[in-house]
Amino acid sequence: MSRRFARYFTVEEARALVPRLRGLLTAMQAEKQQVDFEVEVLRRLAQLIQQNGHAFQALEHERRLTELVRALRQKLRAINELGVEVKDLDLGLVDFPSLRDGREVYLCWKVDEPTVEYWHELDAGYRGRQPLE
């Protein structure tokens, strides 16, 4: 078996990270909503700038967008350094590399779930989730 991941999580190790990940993912989801808002504001301002100016207002939104993206990257890096993979930020979906019957699999958790209760094959994705028990 080739080793694809730097580390593997047991179910207990993954579950122990849930409180920390829930805080990070919840904050990231809120920041992403703000990013989406700022991008939309900038899109609208771009049209106004061409007509009659709003450059200063656009600069303020660009500054805010830069701060939000920096904060998101920092949190994503912290999660990745744990060995956890963020699969879908909007869903709050993460995967933990793990071994099951000697095979590489993912333990799968969503931010709105109480704990890690599912796993799936590496190529199966969210739709291929199966209960741990």
N, C-alpha and C. Protein backbone atom coordinates (compact mmCIF):
# COMPACT_ATOMS: atom_id res chain seq x y z
N MET A 1 0.85 -1.19 0.00
CA MET A 1 0.00 0.00 0.00
C MET A 1 0.89 1.24 0.00
N SER A 2 0.63 2.13 -0.93
CA SER A 2 1.38 3.39 -0.93
C SER A 2 0.77 4.34 0.09
N ARG A 3 1.62 5.07 0.73
CA ARG A 3 1.17 6.00 1.77
C ARG A 3 0.91 7.36 1.13
N ARG A 4 -0.34 7.72 1.01
CA ARG A 4 -0.74 8.96 0.37
C ARG A 4 -0.75 10.15 1.33
N PHE A 5 -0.97 9.87 2.62
CA PHE A 5 -1.16 10.93 3.60
C PHE A 5 -0.02 10.97 4.61
N ALA A 6 0.22 12.14 5.15
CA ALA A 6 1.27 12.31 6.16
C ALA A 6 0.87 11.64 7.47
N ARG A 7 -0.44 11.60 7.73
CA ARG A 7 -0.91 10.96 8.96
C ARG A 7 -2.30 10.41 8.76
N TYR A 8 -2.65 9.47 9.62
CA TYR A 8 -3.99 8.88 9.62
C TYR A 8 -4.63 9.14 10.98
N PHE A 9 -5.93 9.36 10.97
CA PHE A 9 -6.68 9.61 12.19
C PHE A 9 -7.45 8.37 12.59
N THR A 10 -7.47 8.11 13.88
CA THR A 10 -8.42 7.14 14.40
C THR A 10 -9.75 7.88 14.55
N VAL A 11 -10.82 7.14 14.74
CA VAL A 11 -12.13 7.76 14.97
C VAL A 11 -12.07 8.65 16.20
N GLU A 12 -11.41 8.18 17.25
CA GLU A 12 -11.33 8.95 18.49
C GLU A 12 -10.55 10.25 18.29
N GLU A 13 -9.45 10.19 17.54
CA GLU A 13 -8.66 11.40 17.27
C GLU A 13 -9.47 12.41 16.47
N ALA A 14 -10.19 11.93 15.47
CA ALA A 14 -11.02 12.82 14.65
C ALA A 14 -12.11 13.46 15.51
N ARG A 15 -12.75 12.66 16.33
CA ARG A 15 -13.82 13.18 17.18
C ARG A 15 -13.28 14.21 18.18
N ALA A 16 -12.07 14.01 18.65
CA ALA A 16 -11.49 14.96 19.61
C ALA A 16 -11.25 16.32 18.97
N LEU A 17 -11.08 16.38 17.66
CA LEU A 17 -10.85 17.65 16.97
C LEU A 17 -12.14 18.40 16.62
N VAL A 18 -13.28 17.75 16.76
CA VAL A 18 -14.55 18.35 16.34
C VAL A 18 -14.80 19.72 16.98
N PRO A 19 -14.64 19.90 18.29
CA PRO A 19 -14.91 21.24 18.85
C PRO A 19 -14.02 22.33 18.24
N ARG A 20 -12.75 22.04 18.07
CA ARG A 20 -11.84 23.02 17.47
C ARG A 20 -12.22 23.31 16.02
N LEU A 21 -12.50 22.26 15.27
CA LEU A 21 -12.87 22.43 13.86
C LEU A 21 -14.19 23.15 13.71
N ARG A 22 -15.14 22.86 14.60
CA ARG A 22 -16.44 23.53 14.52
C ARG A 22 -16.26 25.05 14.65
N GLY A 23 -15.41 25.47 15.60
CA GLY A 23 -15.16 26.90 15.76
C GLY A 23 -14.50 27.51 14.54
N LEU A 24 -13.49 26.84 14.00
CA LEU A 24 -12.80 27.35 12.82
C LEU A 24 -13.72 27.40 11.60
N LEU A 25 -14.47 26.33 11.37
CA LEU A 25 -15.34 26.27 10.19
C LEU A 25 -16.49 27.26 10.28
N THR A 26 -17.05 27.42 11.46
CA THR A 26 -18.14 28.39 11.63
C THR A 26 -17.64 29.80 11.33
N ALA A 27 -16.45 30.12 11.84
CA ALA A 27 -15.87 31.44 11.56
C ALA A 27 -15.57 31.59 10.08
N MET A 28 -15.05 30.53 9.47
CA MET A 28 -14.74 30.58 8.03
C MET A 28 -16.00 30.76 7.19
N GLN A 29 -17.07 30.09 7.57
CA GLN A 29 -18.32 30.24 6.82
C GLN A 29 -18.83 31.67 6.90
N ALA A 30 -18.74 32.28 8.07
CA ALA A 30 -19.18 33.67 8.22
C ALA A 30 -18.29 34.60 7.38
N GLU A 31 -16.99 34.34 7.40
CA GLU A 31 -16.07 35.16 6.60
C GLU A 31 -16.33 34.98 5.11
N LYS A 32 -16.63 33.76 4.70
CA LYS A 32 -16.91 33.54 3.28
C LYS A 32 -18.18 34.28 2.86
N GLN A 33 -19.18 34.31 3.71
CA GLN A 33 -20.39 35.08 3.40
C GLN A 33 -20.03 36.55 3.21
N GLN A 34 -19.14 37.07 4.06
CA GLN A 34 -18.70 38.45 3.92
C GLN A 34 -17.89 38.65 2.64
N VAL A 35 -17.05 37.67 2.29
CA VAL A 35 -16.31 37.74 1.03
C VAL A 35 -17.28 37.82 -0.13
N ASP A 36 -18.28 36.95 -0.14
CA ASP A 36 -19.28 36.97 -1.22
C ASP A 36 -19.97 38.32 -1.30
N PHE A 37 -20.30 38.90 -0.14
CA PHE A 37 -20.95 40.20 -0.10
C PHE A 37 -20.03 41.29 -0.68
N GLU A 38 -18.77 41.30 -0.23
CA GLU A 38 -17.81 42.31 -0.70
C GLU A 38 -17.57 42.19 -2.20
N VAL A 39 -17.49 40.98 -2.70
CA VAL A 39 -17.30 40.78 -4.14
C VAL A 39 -18.49 41.35 -4.91
N GLU A 40 -19.68 41.10 -4.41
CA GLU A 40 -20.88 41.63 -5.07
C GLU A 40 -20.90 43.16 -5.03
N VAL A 41 -20.55 43.75 -3.89
CA VAL A 41 -20.50 45.21 -3.78
C VAL A 41 -19.48 45.77 -4.78
N LEU A 42 -18.32 45.14 -4.84
CA LEU A 42 -17.28 45.62 -5.77
C LEU A 42 -17.73 45.48 -7.23
N ARG A 43 -18.43 44.41 -7.52
CA ARG A 43 -18.95 44.24 -8.89
C ARG A 43 -19.89 45.39 -9.25
N ARG A 44 -20.76 45.73 -8.32
CA ARG A 44 -21.70 46.84 -8.57
C ARG A 44 -20.97 48.19 -8.64
N LEU A 45 -19.99 48.37 -7.75
CA LEU A 45 -19.24 49.63 -7.76
C LEU A 45 -18.42 49.79 -9.04
N ALA A 46 -17.95 48.71 -9.59
CA ALA A 46 -17.16 48.79 -10.82
C ALA A 46 -17.97 49.45 -11.93
N GLN A 47 -19.24 49.14 -11.98
CA GLN A 47 -20.10 49.77 -12.98
C GLN A 47 -20.28 51.26 -12.68
N LEU A 48 -20.44 51.62 -11.41
CA LEU A 48 -20.63 53.02 -11.03
C LEU A 48 -19.36 53.85 -11.25
N ILE A 49 -18.22 53.23 -10.99
CA ILE A 49 -16.94 53.94 -11.17
C ILE A 49 -16.80 54.39 -12.61
N GLN A 50 -17.19 53.54 -13.53
CA GLN A 50 -17.09 53.89 -14.94
C GLN A 50 -18.00 55.07 -15.28
N GLN A 51 -19.12 55.19 -14.57
CA GLN A 51 -20.07 56.25 -14.87
C GLN A 51 -19.73 57.56 -14.17
N ASN A 52 -19.53 57.52 -12.85
CA ASN A 52 -19.33 58.79 -12.16
C ASN A 52 -18.43 58.70 -10.93
N GLY A 53 -17.66 57.67 -10.82
CA GLY A 53 -16.71 57.56 -9.72
C GLY A 53 -17.31 57.00 -8.45
N HIS A 54 -16.63 56.29 -7.73
CA HIS A 54 -16.88 55.73 -6.41
C HIS A 54 -15.61 55.00 -6.00
N ALA A 55 -14.49 55.49 -6.49
CA ALA A 55 -13.22 54.80 -6.32
C ALA A 55 -12.86 54.65 -4.85
N PHE A 56 -13.05 55.68 -4.04
CA PHE A 56 -12.69 55.59 -2.63
C PHE A 56 -13.51 54.49 -1.94
N GLN A 57 -14.78 54.45 -2.23
CA GLN A 57 -15.65 53.42 -1.66
C GLN A 57 -15.17 52.04 -2.10
N ALA A 58 -14.80 51.90 -3.35
CA ALA A 58 -14.31 50.61 -3.86
C ALA A 58 -13.02 50.20 -3.14
N LEU A 59 -12.14 51.16 -2.88
CA LEU A 59 -10.89 50.85 -2.18
C LEU A 59 -11.15 50.31 -0.78
N GLU A 60 -12.13 50.87 -0.10
CA GLU A 60 -12.49 50.38 1.24
C GLU A 60 -12.98 48.94 1.18
N HIS A 61 -13.80 48.63 0.20
CA HIS A 61 -14.31 47.26 0.05
C HIS A 61 -13.19 46.30 -0.36
N GLU A 62 -12.27 46.76 -1.20
CA GLU A 62 -11.13 45.93 -1.58
C GLU A 62 -10.25 45.64 -0.37
N ARG A 63 -10.05 46.63 0.49
CA ARG A 63 -9.26 46.43 1.71
C ARG A 63 -9.92 45.39 2.60
N ARG A 64 -11.22 45.51 2.77
CA ARG A 64 -11.97 44.56 3.60
C ARG A 64 -11.90 43.15 3.00
N LEU A 65 -12.03 43.07 1.70
CA LEU A 65 -11.95 41.78 1.02
C LEU A 65 -10.58 41.13 1.23
N THR A 66 -9.54 41.91 1.13
CA THR A 66 -8.18 41.40 1.35
C THR A 66 -8.02 40.87 2.77
N GLU A 67 -8.55 41.59 3.76
CA GLU A 67 -8.48 41.14 5.16
C GLU A 67 -9.24 39.83 5.35
N LEU A 68 -10.43 39.73 4.76
CA LEU A 68 -11.23 38.52 4.89
C LEU A 68 -10.53 37.32 4.26
N VAL A 69 -9.97 37.51 3.09
CA VAL A 69 -9.29 36.41 2.40
C VAL A 69 -8.07 35.97 3.21
N ARG A 70 -7.34 36.92 3.77
CA ARG A 70 -6.19 36.58 4.61
C ARG A 70 -6.62 35.76 5.82
N ALA A 71 -7.71 36.16 6.47
CA ALA A 71 -8.21 35.43 7.63
C ALA A 71 -8.67 34.02 7.25
N LEU A 72 -9.34 33.90 6.12
CA LEU A 72 -9.77 32.59 5.64
C LEU A 72 -8.57 31.68 5.37
N ARG A 73 -7.57 32.21 4.70
CA ARG A 73 -6.37 31.41 4.39
C ARG A 73 -5.67 30.96 5.66
N GLN A 74 -5.61 31.83 6.65
CA GLN A 74 -4.96 31.48 7.91
C GLN A 74 -5.67 30.31 8.59
N LYS A 75 -6.99 30.36 8.62
CA LYS A 75 -7.76 29.28 9.24
C LYS A 75 -7.65 27.99 8.42
N LEU A 76 -7.70 28.12 7.11
CA LEU A 76 -7.55 26.94 6.25
C LEU A 76 -6.19 26.29 6.45
N ARG A 77 -5.17 27.11 6.54
CA ARG A 77 -3.81 26.60 6.78
C ARG A 77 -3.74 25.87 8.13
N ALA A 78 -4.38 26.42 9.16
CA ALA A 78 -4.39 25.78 10.48
C ALA A 78 -5.07 24.42 10.41
N ILE A 79 -6.16 24.31 9.67
CA ILE A 79 -6.85 23.03 9.52
C ILE A 79 -5.98 22.05 8.75
N ASN A 80 -5.40 22.52 7.65
CA ASN A 80 -4.55 21.64 6.84
C ASN A 80 -3.34 21.15 7.62
N GLU A 81 -2.78 22.01 8.48
CA GLU A 81 -1.62 21.61 9.28
C GLU A 81 -1.98 20.51 10.28
N LEU A 82 -3.25 20.41 10.64
CA LEU A 82 -3.69 19.32 11.50
C LEU A 82 -3.75 18.00 10.73
N GLY A 83 -3.74 18.09 9.39
CA GLY A 83 -3.87 16.90 8.56
C GLY A 83 -5.29 16.66 8.08
N VAL A 84 -6.18 17.63 8.34
CA VAL A 84 -7.58 17.54 7.97
C VAL A 84 -7.78 18.29 6.65
N GLU A 85 -8.65 17.76 5.80
CA GLU A 85 -8.92 18.37 4.50
C GLU A 85 -10.30 19.01 4.48
N VAL A 86 -10.37 20.28 4.14
CA VAL A 86 -11.65 20.96 3.96
C VAL A 86 -12.14 20.62 2.56
N LYS A 87 -13.30 20.01 2.46
CA LYS A 87 -13.84 19.59 1.17
C LYS A 87 -14.88 20.56 0.62
N ASP A 88 -15.70 21.15 1.50
CA ASP A 88 -16.73 22.09 1.05
C ASP A 88 -16.98 23.07 2.19
N LEU A 89 -16.53 24.29 2.01
CA LEU A 89 -16.67 25.29 3.08
C LEU A 89 -18.13 25.66 3.31
N ASP A 90 -18.91 25.78 2.25
CA ASP A 90 -20.32 26.14 2.42
C ASP A 90 -21.06 25.11 3.27
N LEU A 91 -20.77 23.83 3.05
CA LEU A 91 -21.39 22.76 3.86
C LEU A 91 -20.70 22.59 5.20
N GLY A 92 -19.47 23.10 5.33
CA GLY A 92 -18.69 22.84 6.53
C GLY A 92 -18.24 21.39 6.57
N LEU A 93 -17.82 20.88 5.42
CA LEU A 93 -17.49 19.46 5.26
C LEU A 93 -15.98 19.26 5.26
N VAL A 94 -15.52 18.35 6.13
CA VAL A 94 -14.10 18.02 6.19
C VAL A 94 -13.92 16.50 6.18
N ASP A 95 -12.74 16.09 5.74
CA ASP A 95 -12.35 14.68 5.73
C ASP A 95 -11.07 14.50 6.51
N PHE A 96 -11.01 13.39 7.23
CA PHE A 96 -9.83 12.99 7.99
C PHE A 96 -9.27 11.73 7.34
N PRO A 97 -8.05 11.75 6.83
CA PRO A 97 -7.47 10.51 6.31
C PRO A 97 -7.43 9.46 7.41
N SER A 98 -7.77 8.25 7.06
CA SER A 98 -7.83 7.18 8.04
C SER A 98 -7.55 5.85 7.37
N LEU A 99 -7.41 4.82 8.18
CA LEU A 99 -7.26 3.46 7.68
C LEU A 99 -8.45 2.65 8.15
N ARG A 100 -9.02 1.87 7.26
CA ARG A 100 -10.15 1.00 7.59
C ARG A 100 -9.88 -0.35 6.93
N ASP A 101 -9.72 -1.36 7.73
CA ASP A 101 -9.40 -2.70 7.22
C ASP A 101 -8.17 -2.66 6.32
N GLY A 102 -7.18 -1.83 6.70
CA GLY A 102 -5.93 -1.74 5.95
C GLY A 102 -5.99 -0.88 4.71
N ARG A 103 -7.13 -0.26 4.43
CA ARG A 103 -7.29 0.60 3.25
C ARG A 103 -7.33 2.06 3.67
N GLU A 104 -6.80 2.91 2.81
CA GLU A 104 -6.92 4.35 3.04
C GLU A 104 -8.35 4.78 2.73
N VAL A 105 -8.97 5.47 3.68
CA VAL A 105 -10.33 5.99 3.53
C VAL A 105 -10.36 7.37 4.17
N TYR A 106 -11.50 7.99 4.10
CA TYR A 106 -11.72 9.24 4.82
C TYR A 106 -12.79 9.05 5.88
N LEU A 107 -12.54 9.58 7.07
CA LEU A 107 -13.59 9.81 8.04
C LEU A 107 -14.20 11.14 7.64
N CYS A 108 -15.51 11.25 7.67
CA CYS A 108 -16.19 12.41 7.11
C CYS A 108 -17.06 13.07 8.18
N TRP A 109 -16.99 14.40 8.25
CA TRP A 109 -17.78 15.15 9.24
C TRP A 109 -18.23 16.48 8.66
N LYS A 110 -19.46 16.86 9.00
CA LYS A 110 -20.03 18.16 8.65
C LYS A 110 -20.24 18.98 9.91
N VAL A 111 -20.05 20.27 9.79
CA VAL A 111 -20.09 21.18 10.94
C VAL A 111 -21.40 21.11 11.71
N ASP A 112 -22.49 20.74 11.07
CA ASP A 112 -23.77 20.67 11.78
C ASP A 112 -24.05 19.29 12.38
N GLU A 113 -23.09 18.38 12.28
CA GLU A 113 -23.24 17.06 12.89
C GLU A 113 -22.58 17.06 14.27
N PRO A 114 -23.13 16.31 15.22
CA PRO A 114 -22.59 16.34 16.58
C PRO A 114 -21.17 15.78 16.69
N THR A 115 -20.85 14.78 15.88
CA THR A 115 -19.52 14.17 15.94
C THR A 115 -19.24 13.44 14.64
N VAL A 116 -18.08 12.84 14.53
CA VAL A 116 -17.71 12.08 13.34
C VAL A 116 -18.43 10.74 13.40
N GLU A 117 -19.32 10.51 12.43
CA GLU A 117 -20.13 9.30 12.41
C GLU A 117 -20.09 8.56 11.07
N TYR A 118 -19.33 9.09 10.10
CA TYR A 118 -19.34 8.52 8.75
C TYR A 118 -17.92 8.36 8.21
N TRP A 119 -17.81 7.51 7.21
CA TRP A 119 -16.57 7.32 6.47
C TRP A 119 -16.94 7.12 4.99
N HIS A 120 -15.95 7.27 4.11
CA HIS A 120 -16.18 6.94 2.70
C HIS A 120 -14.85 6.62 2.04
N GLU A 121 -14.94 5.91 0.94
CA GLU A 121 -13.75 5.59 0.15
C GLU A 121 -13.16 6.89 -0.38
N LEU A 122 -11.89 6.88 -0.72
CA LEU A 122 -11.21 8.09 -1.19
C LEU A 122 -11.89 8.70 -2.41
N ASP A 123 -12.39 7.86 -3.29
CA ASP A 123 -12.98 8.37 -4.53
C ASP A 123 -14.51 8.47 -4.48
N ALA A 124 -15.11 8.16 -3.32
CA ALA A 124 -16.57 8.13 -3.23
C ALA A 124 -17.17 9.50 -2.92
N GLY A 125 -16.48 10.30 -2.14
CA GLY A 125 -17.00 11.62 -1.80
C GLY A 125 -18.18 11.57 -0.85
N TYR A 126 -18.76 12.73 -0.64
CA TYR A 126 -19.83 12.92 0.35
C TYR A 126 -21.00 11.98 0.11
N ARG A 127 -21.38 11.80 -1.14
CA ARG A 127 -22.53 10.94 -1.45
C ARG A 127 -22.28 9.47 -1.13
N GLY A 128 -21.01 9.11 -1.01
CA GLY A 128 -20.67 7.73 -0.70
C GLY A 128 -20.47 7.45 0.79
N ARG A 129 -20.89 8.40 1.63
CA ARG A 129 -20.69 8.23 3.07
C ARG A 129 -21.44 7.01 3.59
N GLN A 130 -20.79 6.34 4.54
CA GLN A 130 -21.39 5.18 5.20
C GLN A 130 -21.22 5.34 6.70
N PRO A 131 -22.18 4.83 7.48
CA PRO A 131 -22.03 4.93 8.94
C PRO A 131 -20.83 4.15 9.43
N LEU A 132 -20.19 4.66 10.48
CA LEU A 132 -19.03 3.98 11.05
C LEU A 132 -19.40 2.64 11.67
N GLU A 133 -20.53 2.56 12.30
CA GLU A 133 -20.92 1.32 12.99
C GLU A 133 -21.76 0.44 12.10
